[in-house]
C-alpha atoms as a PDB file:
ATOM      1  CA  MET A   1      86.917  32.619 208.873  1.00  0.00           C
ATOM      2  CA  PRO A   2      83.438  33.741 209.936  1.00  0.00           C
ATOM      3  CA  ALA A   3      82.734  34.586 213.592  1.00  0.00           C
ATOM      4  CA  ARG A   4      80.986  31.885 215.579  1.00  0.00           C
ATOM      5  CA  LEU A   5      77.542  32.768 216.833  1.00  0.00           C
ATOM      6  CA  PRO A   6      76.907  32.067 220.491  1.00  0.00           C
ATOM      7  CA  SER A   7      74.853  28.988 221.000  1.00  0.00           C
ATOM      8  CA  ALA A   8      71.638  28.932 223.063  1.00  0.00           C
ATOM      9  CA  PRO A   9      72.315  28.430 226.726  1.00  0.00           C
ATOM     10  CA  LYS A  10      71.923  24.925 227.950  1.00  0.00           C
ATOM     11  CA  PRO A  11      69.093  24.488 230.530  1.00  0.00           C
ATOM     12  CA  ARG A  12      70.451  24.115 233.928  1.00  0.00           C
ATOM     13  CA  SER A  13      68.959  21.969 236.605  1.00  0.00           C
ATOM     14  CA  ILE A  14      69.621  22.191 240.290  1.00  0.00           C
ATOM     15  CA  GLN A  15      67.678  20.442 242.950  1.00  0.00           C
ATOM     16  CA  VAL A  16      65.938  22.990 245.134  1.00  0.00           C
ATOM     17  CA  PRO A  17      65.852  21.966 248.782  1.00  0.00           C
ATOM     18  CA  ASP A  18      62.685  20.780 250.439  1.00  0.00           C
ATOM     19  CA  ALA A  19      60.582  23.101 252.563  1.00  0.00           C
ATOM     20  CA  THR A  20      62.206  21.689 255.671  1.00  0.00           C
ATOM     21  CA  PRO A  21      65.941  21.828 254.859  1.00  0.00           C
ATOM     22  CA  THR A  22      68.509  19.781 256.734  1.00  0.00           C
ATOM     23  CA  THR A  23      71.898  21.270 257.472  1.00  0.00           C
ATOM     24  CA  ARG A  24      73.306  19.857 254.257  1.00  0.00           C
ATOM     25  CA  GLN A  25      70.449  21.241 252.124  1.00  0.00           C
ATOM     26  CA  ALA A  26      70.496  24.657 253.861  1.00  0.00           C
ATOM     27  CA  PHE A  27      73.882  25.531 252.351  1.00  0.00           C
ATOM     28  CA  LEU A  28      75.270  25.587 248.863  1.00  0.00           C
ATOM     29  CA  SER A  29      78.866  25.467 247.613  1.00  0.00           C
ATOM     30  CA  VAL A  30      80.128  28.276 245.369  1.00  0.00           C
ATOM     31  CA  LYS A  31      79.462  26.107 242.337  1.00  0.00           C
ATOM     32  CA  GLU A  32      75.950  25.163 243.522  1.00  0.00           C
ATOM     33  CA  ALA A  33      75.189  28.820 244.455  1.00  0.00           C
ATOM     34  CA  ALA A  34      76.340  29.912 241.026  1.00  0.00           C
ATOM     35  CA  GLU A  35      74.015  27.384 239.410  1.00  0.00           C
ATOM     36  CA  TYR A  36      71.178  28.524 241.709  1.00  0.00           C
ATOM     37  CA  LEU A  37      71.668  32.111 240.687  1.00  0.00           C
ATOM     38  CA  ASP A  38      72.469  31.196 237.014  1.00  0.00           C
ATOM     39  CA  LEU A  39      75.907  32.895 237.276  1.00  0.00           C
ATOM     40  CA  SER A  40      79.446  31.750 236.905  1.00  0.00           C
ATOM     41  CA  PRO A  41      81.391  30.733 239.994  1.00  0.00           C
ATOM     42  CA  HIS A  42      84.021  33.266 239.026  1.00  0.00           C
ATOM     43  CA  THR A  43      81.427  36.045 239.347  1.00  0.00           C
ATOM     44  CA  LEU A  44      80.627  34.942 242.884  1.00  0.00           C
ATOM     45  CA  TYR A  45      84.387  34.873 243.663  1.00  0.00           C
ATOM     46  CA  VAL A  46      84.842  38.433 242.336  1.00  0.00           C
ATOM     47  CA  TRP A  47      81.777  39.708 244.216  1.00  0.00           C
ATOM     48  CA  ARG A  48      83.012  38.056 247.441  1.00  0.00           C
ATOM     49  CA  HIS A  49      86.475  39.678 246.968  1.00  0.00           C
ATOM     50  CA  ARG A  50      84.761  43.111 246.443  1.00  0.00           C
ATOM     51  CA  ARG A  51      82.496  42.509 249.376  1.00  0.00           C
ATOM     52  CA  SER A  52      79.366  42.793 247.260  1.00  0.00           C
ATOM     53  CA  GLY A  53      76.851  40.244 246.011  1.00  0.00           C
ATOM     54  CA  PRO A  54      75.070  37.765 248.187  1.00  0.00           C
ATOM     55  CA  PRO A  55      76.297  37.095 251.680  1.00  0.00           C
ATOM     56  CA  SER A  56      78.622  34.125 252.136  1.00  0.00           C
ATOM     57  CA  LEU A  57      80.612  32.552 254.904  1.00  0.00           C
ATOM     58  CA  ARG A  58      83.602  30.203 255.492  1.00  0.00           C
ATOM     59  CA  MET A  59      82.895  26.970 257.291  1.00  0.00           C
ATOM     60  CA  GLY A  60      84.963  23.990 258.365  1.00  0.00           C
ATOM     61  CA  PRO A  61      88.701  23.455 258.894  1.00  0.00           C
ATOM     62  CA  ARG A  62      89.539  24.298 255.308  1.00  0.00           C
ATOM     63  CA  GLY A  63      87.461  27.421 255.347  1.00  0.00           C
ATOM     64  CA  ARG A  64      85.208  26.427 252.490  1.00  0.00           C
ATOM     65  CA  VAL A  65      83.017  29.199 251.124  1.00  0.00           C
ATOM     66  CA  ILE A  66      79.367  28.491 251.346  1.00  0.00           C
ATOM     67  CA  TYR A  67      76.093  30.295 250.794  1.00  0.00           C
ATOM     68  CA  ARG A  68      72.874  29.967 252.840  1.00  0.00           C
ATOM     69  CA  ILE A  69      69.925  29.406 250.502  1.00  0.00           C
ATOM     70  CA  GLU A  70      67.698  31.728 252.595  1.00  0.00           C
ATOM     71  CA  ALA A  71      70.392  34.483 252.226  1.00  0.00           C
ATOM     72  CA  LEU A  72      70.446  33.961 248.432  1.00  0.00           C
ATOM     73  CA  ASP A  73      66.692  34.269 248.226  1.00  0.00           C
ATOM     74  CA  ALA A  74      66.735  37.400 250.423  1.00  0.00           C
ATOM     75  CA  TRP A  75      69.458  38.879 248.323  1.00  0.00           C
ATOM     76  CA  ILE A  76      67.437  38.217 245.115  1.00  0.00           C
ATOM     77  CA  ARG A  77      64.414  39.968 246.711  1.00  0.00           C
ATOM     78  CA  GLU A  78      66.701  42.997 247.563  1.00  0.00           C
ATOM     79  CA  GLN A  79      67.903  43.125 243.936  1.00  0.00           C
ATOM     80  CA  GLU A  80      64.283  43.153 242.726  1.00  0.00           C
ATOM     81  CA  GLN A  81      63.408  45.978 245.062  1.00  0.00           C
ATOM     82  CA  ALA A  82      66.437  48.001 243.886  1.00  0.00           C
ATOM     83  CA  ASP A  83      65.600  47.598 240.203  1.00  0.00           C
ATOM     84  CA  SER A  84      63.199  50.229 238.810  1.00  0.00           C
ATOM     85  CA  ARG A  85      61.831  47.645 236.381  1.00  0.00           C
ATOM     86  CA  SER A  86      60.688  45.438 239.175  1.00  0.00           C
ATOM     87  CA  ASN A  87      59.813  48.193 241.677  1.00  0.00           C
ATOM     88  CA  THR A  88      57.500  50.646 240.043  1.00  0.00           C
ATOM     89  CA  THR A  89      57.981  53.180 242.820  1.00  0.00           C
ATOM     90  CA  LEU A  90      61.561  53.648 241.613  1.00  0.00           C
ATOM     91  CA  SER A  91      60.571  54.102 237.977  1.00  0.00           C
ATOM     92  CA  PRO A  92      61.609  57.463 236.521  1.00  0.00           C
ATOM     93  CA  LEU A  93      58.561  57.376 234.305  1.00  0.00           C
ATOM     94  CA  GLY A  94      56.316  57.994 237.345  1.00  0.00           C
ATOM     95  CA  ALA A  95      58.234  61.044 238.466  1.00  0.00           C
ATOM     96  CA  VAL A  96      56.776  64.574 238.101  1.00  0.00           C
ATOM     97  CA  PRO A  97      58.723  66.485 235.503  1.00  0.00           C
ATOM     98  CA  GLN A  98      60.831  69.311 236.922  1.00  0.00           C
ATOM     99  CA  ARG A  99      61.391  72.656 235.271  1.00  0.00           C
ATOM    100  CA  ARG A 100      64.977  73.287 234.269  1.00  0.00           C
ATOM    101  CA  SER A 101      66.626  76.429 235.584  1.00  0.00           C
ATOM    102  CA  ASP A 102      67.788  78.948 232.975  1.00  0.00           C
ATOM    103  CA  TYR A 103      71.603  79.080 233.445  1.00  0.00           C
ATOM    104  CA  ALA A 104      71.999  81.996 231.046  1.00  0.00           C
ATOM    105  CA  THR A 105      69.866  84.387 233.130  1.00  0.00           C
ATOM    106  CA  GLY A 106      70.582  82.822 236.469  1.00  0.00           C
ATOM    107  CA  ALA A 107      66.914  82.302 237.149  1.00  0.00           C
END
């Protein structure tokens, strides 16, 4: 039986909050945050468990995990600054070549 080729990803649509968010629009559930970041909810749960990824908090009597939209946007900006493809100052292509030391002679 031949292997199935992955199908093209389905376009996702999520409503982006207005410029003046209300309390309900300022926060996203795990599922909504995953859609917003184009990730799986499982990835966000793993990152939360490892204390990495975007900042999240628990709210309400059930301790529901939520994400603040501003925090997600700030986290995305941090990721862009940490990536050498987005931040040219981190690119190794711009670094001055360094001379290797000769291990055989100890120089």
